[in-house]
Amino acid sequence: MTALTPIESEFATTEEAAAYDAWFRAKVERAMASTAPKIPHDQVMAGMWAIIERAKTK
C-alpha cells in the first residue's frame, strides 16, 4: 500500500485511488450501454437552472 499526500491525490492510498477509478469506469460503461431514453442536454440544464433559482430565493 502506497500512501499519498493531499498534494498528490484526494485519496489516502494508491489502492483507494485504483478502487475509485474502477468504480467510476464501471459506472460510465453502464451508462453508455444503457438503453434507457436519453435526456437532451438543454432539458437537463433547464432543470438545473430551475433548481438553482429556487435555491437562491430560499
PDB file of N, CA and C in Angstrom:
ATOM      1  N   MET A   1       0.855  -1.171   0.000  1.00  0.00           N
ATOM      2  CA  MET A   1       0.000   0.000   0.000  1.00  0.00           C
ATOM      3  C   MET A   1       0.901   1.234   0.000  1.00  0.00           C
ATOM      4  N   THR A   2       0.710   2.090  -0.988  1.00  0.00           N
ATOM      5  CA  THR A   2       1.484   3.309  -1.086  1.00  0.00           C
ATOM      6  C   THR A   2       0.660   4.481  -0.592  1.00  0.00           C
ATOM      7  N   ALA A   3       1.179   5.184   0.396  1.00  0.00           N
ATOM      8  CA  ALA A   3       0.480   6.353   0.933  1.00  0.00           C
ATOM      9  C   ALA A   3       0.655   7.533  -0.026  1.00  0.00           C
ATOM     10  N   LEU A   4      -0.378   8.334  -0.124  1.00  0.00           N
ATOM     11  CA  LEU A   4      -0.343   9.529  -0.958  1.00  0.00           C
ATOM     12  C   LEU A   4      -0.547  10.756  -0.080  1.00  0.00           C
ATOM     13  N   THR A   5       0.023  11.873  -0.486  1.00  0.00           N
ATOM     14  CA  THR A   5      -0.184  13.119   0.253  1.00  0.00           C
ATOM     15  C   THR A   5      -1.354  13.867  -0.383  1.00  0.00           C
ATOM     16  N   PRO A   6      -1.968  14.791   0.359  1.00  0.00           N
ATOM     17  CA  PRO A   6      -3.076  15.578  -0.209  1.00  0.00           C
ATOM     18  C   PRO A   6      -2.672  16.386  -1.439  1.00  0.00           C
ATOM     19  N   ILE A   7      -1.390  16.661  -1.585  1.00  0.00           N
ATOM     20  CA  ILE A   7      -0.920  17.391  -2.768  1.00  0.00           C
ATOM     21  C   ILE A   7      -0.978  16.484  -3.993  1.00  0.00           C
ATOM     22  N   GLU A   8      -0.726  15.183  -3.799  1.00  0.00           N
ATOM     23  CA  GLU A   8      -0.714  14.232  -4.906  1.00  0.00           C
ATOM     24  C   GLU A   8      -2.110  13.781  -5.309  1.00  0.00           C
ATOM     25  N   SER A   9      -2.986  13.567  -4.324  1.00  0.00           N
ATOM     26  CA  SER A   9      -4.263  12.934  -4.603  1.00  0.00           C
ATOM     27  C   SER A   9      -5.260  13.220  -3.494  1.00  0.00           C
ATOM     28  N   GLU A  10      -6.535  13.090  -3.825  1.00  0.00           N
ATOM     29  CA  GLU A  10      -7.570  13.220  -2.800  1.00  0.00           C
ATOM     30  C   GLU A  10      -7.741  11.920  -2.032  1.00  0.00           C
ATOM     31  N   PHE A  11      -7.053  10.863  -2.459  1.00  0.00           N
ATOM     32  CA  PHE A  11      -7.144   9.565  -1.809  1.00  0.00           C
ATOM     33  C   PHE A  11      -5.934   9.348  -0.909  1.00  0.00           C
ATOM     34  N   ALA A  12      -6.113   8.544   0.130  1.00  0.00           N
ATOM     35  CA  ALA A  12      -5.034   8.292   1.084  1.00  0.00           C
ATOM     36  C   ALA A  12      -4.003   7.314   0.542  1.00  0.00           C
ATOM     37  N   THR A  13      -4.442   6.378  -0.307  1.00  0.00           N
ATOM     38  CA  THR A  13      -3.521   5.366  -0.831  1.00  0.00           C
ATOM     39  C   THR A  13      -3.770   5.153  -2.321  1.00  0.00           C
ATOM     40  N   THR A  14      -2.785   4.512  -2.961  1.00  0.00           N
ATOM     41  CA  THR A  14      -2.960   4.189  -4.378  1.00  0.00           C
ATOM     42  C   THR A  14      -4.070   3.158  -4.560  1.00  0.00           C
ATOM     43  N   GLU A  15      -4.266   2.295  -3.577  1.00  0.00           N
ATOM     44  CA  GLU A  15      -5.330   1.302  -3.652  1.00  0.00           C
ATOM     45  C   GLU A  15      -6.704   1.965  -3.652  1.00  0.00           C
ATOM     46  N   GLU A  16      -6.887   2.980  -2.794  1.00  0.00           N
ATOM     47  CA  GLU A  16      -8.150   3.716  -2.774  1.00  0.00           C
ATOM     48  C   GLU A  16      -8.381   4.402  -4.115  1.00  0.00           C
ATOM     49  N   ALA A  17      -7.338   4.991  -4.672  1.00  0.00           N
ATOM     50  CA  ALA A  17      -7.453   5.662  -5.967  1.00  0.00           C
ATOM     51  C   ALA A  17      -7.823   4.663  -7.055  1.00  0.00           C
ATOM     52  N   ALA A  18      -7.193   3.495  -7.057  1.00  0.00           N
ATOM     53  CA  ALA A  18      -7.491   2.473  -8.063  1.00  0.00           C
ATOM     54  C   ALA A  18      -8.912   1.946  -7.905  1.00  0.00           C
ATOM     55  N   ALA A  19      -9.363   1.767  -6.671  1.00  0.00           N
ATOM     56  CA  ALA A  19     -10.732   1.273  -6.435  1.00  0.00           C
ATOM     57  C   ALA A  19     -11.746   2.297  -6.933  1.00  0.00           C
ATOM     58  N   TYR A  20     -11.513   3.561  -6.660  1.00  0.00           N
ATOM     59  CA  TYR A  20     -12.430   4.597  -7.139  1.00  0.00           C
ATOM     60  C   TYR A  20     -12.434   4.630  -8.668  1.00  0.00           C
ATOM     61  N   ASP A  21     -11.260   4.552  -9.277  1.00  0.00           N
ATOM     62  CA  ASP A  21     -11.162   4.576 -10.723  1.00  0.00           C
ATOM     63  C   ASP A  21     -11.948   3.418 -11.337  1.00  0.00           C
ATOM     64  N   ALA A  22     -11.819   2.226 -10.768  1.00  0.00           N
ATOM     65  CA  ALA A  22     -12.546   1.057 -11.274  1.00  0.00           C
ATOM     66  C   ALA A  22     -14.051   1.248 -11.127  1.00  0.00           C
ATOM     67  N   TRP A  23     -14.493   1.766  -9.977  1.00  0.00           N
ATOM     68  CA  TRP A  23     -15.921   2.015  -9.751  1.00  0.00           C
ATOM     69  C   TRP A  23     -16.453   3.032 -10.758  1.00  0.00           C
ATOM     70  N   PHE A  24     -15.707   4.118 -10.944  1.00  0.00           N
ATOM     71  CA  PHE A  24     -16.154   5.184 -11.841  1.00  0.00           C
ATOM     72  C   PHE A  24     -16.223   4.693 -13.286  1.00  0.00           C
ATOM     73  N   ARG A  25     -15.204   3.961 -13.717  1.00  0.00           N
ATOM     74  CA  ARG A  25     -15.198   3.442 -15.082  1.00  0.00           C
ATOM     75  C   ARG A  25     -16.372   2.492 -15.315  1.00  0.00           C
ATOM     76  N   ALA A  26     -16.672   1.642 -14.333  1.00  0.00           N
ATOM     77  CA  ALA A  26     -17.808   0.715 -14.457  1.00  0.00           C
ATOM     78  C   ALA A  26     -19.117   1.488 -14.555  1.00  0.00           C
ATOM     79  N   LYS A  27     -19.244   2.553 -13.760  1.00  0.00           N
ATOM     80  CA  LYS A  27     -20.460   3.358 -13.787  1.00  0.00           C
ATOM     81  C   LYS A  27     -20.643   4.026 -15.152  1.00  0.00           C
ATOM     82  N   VAL A  28     -19.559   4.551 -15.717  1.00  0.00           N
ATOM     83  CA  VAL A  28     -19.624   5.188 -17.034  1.00  0.00           C
ATOM     84  C   VAL A  28     -19.969   4.161 -18.106  1.00  0.00           C
ATOM     85  N   GLU A  29     -19.351   2.983 -18.033  1.00  0.00           N
ATOM     86  CA  GLU A  29     -19.645   1.935 -19.015  1.00  0.00           C
ATOM     87  C   GLU A  29     -21.107   1.510 -18.964  1.00  0.00           C
ATOM     88  N   ARG A  30     -21.668   1.376 -17.745  1.00  0.00           N
ATOM     89  CA  ARG A  30     -23.085   1.031 -17.610  1.00  0.00           C
ATOM     90  C   ARG A  30     -23.960   2.111 -18.222  1.00  0.00           C
ATOM     91  N   ALA A  31     -23.625   3.361 -17.971  1.00  0.00           N
ATOM     92  CA  ALA A  31     -24.419   4.470 -18.511  1.00  0.00           C
ATOM     93  C   ALA A  31     -24.351   4.492 -20.037  1.00  0.00           C
ATOM     94  N   MET A  32     -23.179   4.253 -20.580  1.00  0.00           N
ATOM     95  CA  MET A  32     -23.032   4.272 -22.036  1.00  0.00           C
ATOM     96  C   MET A  32     -23.766   3.099 -22.693  1.00  0.00           C
ATOM     97  N   ALA A  33     -23.864   1.979 -21.987  1.00  0.00           N
ATOM     98  CA  ALA A  33     -24.532   0.799 -22.535  1.00  0.00           C
ATOM     99  C   ALA A  33     -26.042   0.813 -22.287  1.00  0.00           C
ATOM    100  N   SER A  34     -26.504   1.743 -21.500  1.00  0.00           N
ATOM    101  CA  SER A  34     -27.920   1.805 -21.135  1.00  0.00           C
ATOM    102  C   SER A  34     -28.799   2.036 -22.360  1.00  0.00           C
ATOM    103  N   THR A  35     -29.954   1.378 -22.339  1.00  0.00           N
ATOM    104  CA  THR A  35     -30.924   1.587 -23.416  1.00  0.00           C
ATOM    105  C   THR A  35     -32.063   2.498 -22.963  1.00  0.00           C
ATOM    106  N   ALA A  36     -31.927   3.070 -21.781  1.00  0.00           N
ATOM    107  CA  ALA A  36     -32.943   3.999 -21.276  1.00  0.00           C
ATOM    108  C   ALA A  36     -32.990   5.226 -22.182  1.00  0.00           C
ATOM    109  N   PRO A  37     -34.154   5.868 -22.270  1.00  0.00           N
ATOM    110  CA  PRO A  37     -34.248   7.072 -23.109  1.00  0.00           C
ATOM    111  C   PRO A  37     -33.260   8.144 -22.635  1.00  0.00           C
ATOM    112  N   LYS A  38     -32.642   8.775 -23.581  1.00  0.00           N
ATOM    113  CA  LYS A  38     -31.668   9.834 -23.277  1.00  0.00           C
ATOM    114  C   LYS A  38     -32.410  11.145 -23.009  1.00  0.00           C
ATOM    115  N   ILE A  39     -31.831  11.965 -22.138  1.00  0.00           N
ATOM    116  CA  ILE A  39     -32.413  13.275 -21.837  1.00  0.00           C
ATOM    117  C   ILE A  39     -31.541  14.322 -22.527  1.00  0.00           C
ATOM    118  N   PRO A  40     -32.127  15.160 -23.368  1.00  0.00           N
ATOM    119  CA  PRO A  40     -31.339  16.177 -24.060  1.00  0.00           C
ATOM    120  C   PRO A  40     -30.643  17.124 -23.073  1.00  0.00           C
ATOM    121  N   HIS A  41     -29.448  17.536 -23.432  1.00  0.00           N
ATOM    122  CA  HIS A  41     -28.645  18.430 -22.595  1.00  0.00           C
ATOM    123  C   HIS A  41     -29.420  19.692 -22.214  1.00  0.00           C
ATOM    124  N   ASP A  42     -30.084  20.304 -23.172  1.00  0.00           N
ATOM    125  CA  ASP A  42     -30.826  21.545 -22.896  1.00  0.00           C
ATOM    126  C   ASP A  42     -31.908  21.328 -21.847  1.00  0.00           C
ATOM    127  N   GLN A  43     -32.556  20.174 -21.886  1.00  0.00           N
ATOM    128  CA  GLN A  43     -33.600  19.870 -20.904  1.00  0.00           C
ATOM    129  C   GLN A  43     -32.992  19.699 -19.501  1.00  0.00           C
ATOM    130  N   VAL A  44     -31.877  19.014 -19.431  1.00  0.00           N
ATOM    131  CA  VAL A  44     -31.203  18.826 -18.140  1.00  0.00           C
ATOM    132  C   VAL A  44     -30.763  20.177 -17.578  1.00  0.00           C
ATOM    133  N   MET A  45     -30.158  21.013 -18.419  1.00  0.00           N
ATOM    134  CA  MET A  45     -29.675  22.311 -17.961  1.00  0.00           C
ATOM    135  C   MET A  45     -30.831  23.216 -17.524  1.00  0.00           C
ATOM    136  N   ALA A  46     -31.950  23.165 -18.221  1.00  0.00           N
ATOM    137  CA  ALA A  46     -33.117  23.967 -17.826  1.00  0.00           C
ATOM    138  C   ALA A  46     -33.586  23.541 -16.441  1.00  0.00           C
ATOM    139  N   GLY A  47     -33.611  22.235 -16.194  1.00  0.00           N
ATOM    140  CA  GLY A  47     -33.993  21.741 -14.873  1.00  0.00           C
ATOM    141  C   GLY A  47     -33.017  22.168 -13.791  1.00  0.00           C
ATOM    142  N   MET A  48     -31.729  22.134 -14.113  1.00  0.00           N
ATOM    143  CA  MET A  48     -30.721  22.536 -13.131  1.00  0.00           C
ATOM    144  C   MET A  48     -30.827  24.032 -12.810  1.00  0.00           C
ATOM    145  N   TRP A  49     -31.030  24.836 -13.850  1.00  0.00           N
ATOM    146  CA  TRP A  49     -31.172  26.274 -13.597  1.00  0.00           C
ATOM    147  C   TRP A  49     -32.406  26.562 -12.741  1.00  0.00           C
ATOM    148  N   ALA A  50     -33.465  25.802 -12.932  1.00  0.00           N
ATOM    149  CA  ALA A  50     -34.663  25.978 -12.106  1.00  0.00           C
ATOM    150  C   ALA A  50     -34.353  25.652 -10.649  1.00  0.00           C
ATOM    151  N   ILE A  51     -33.588  24.595 -10.416  1.00  0.00           N
ATOM    152  CA  ILE A  51     -33.198  24.223  -9.046  1.00  0.00           C
ATOM    153  C   ILE A  51     -32.342  25.325  -8.439  1.00  0.00           C
ATOM    154  N   ILE A  52     -31.404  25.857  -9.199  1.00  0.00           N
ATOM    155  CA  ILE A  52     -30.514  26.922  -8.711  1.00  0.00           C
ATOM    156  C   ILE A  52     -31.330  28.164  -8.363  1.00  0.00           C
ATOM    157  N   GLU A  53     -32.250  28.531  -9.224  1.00  0.00           N
ATOM    158  CA  GLU A  53     -33.057  29.730  -8.988  1.00  0.00           C
ATOM    159  C   GLU A  53     -33.920  29.556  -7.733  1.00  0.00           C
ATOM    160  N   ARG A  54     -34.511  28.356  -7.545  1.00  0.00           N
ATOM    161  CA  ARG A  54     -35.306  28.116  -6.335  1.00  0.00           C
ATOM    162  C   ARG A  54     -34.428  28.213  -5.087  1.00  0.00           C
ATOM    163  N   ALA A  55     -33.209  27.731  -5.167  1.00  0.00           N
ATOM    164  CA  ALA A  55     -32.308  27.778  -4.024  1.00  0.00           C
ATOM    165  C   ALA A  55     -31.925  29.223  -3.690  1.00  0.00           C
ATOM    166  N   LYS A  56     -31.811  30.058  -4.701  1.00  0.00           N
ATOM    167  CA  LYS A  56     -31.466  31.468  -4.467  1.00  0.00           C
ATOM    168  C   LYS A  56     -32.570  32.190  -3.688  1.00  0.00           C
ATOM    169  N   THR A  57     -33.823  31.807  -3.895  1.00  0.00           N
ATOM    170  CA  THR A  57     -34.925  32.501  -3.242  1.00  0.00           C
ATOM    171  C   THR A  57     -35.163  32.030  -1.817  1.00  0.00           C
ATOM    172  N   LYS A  58     -34.485  30.973  -1.402  1.00  0.00           N
ATOM    173  CA  LYS A  58     -34.657  30.465  -0.038  1.00  0.00           C
ATOM    174  C   LYS A  58     -33.791  31.197   0.949  1.00  0.00           C
TER     175      LYS A  58
END
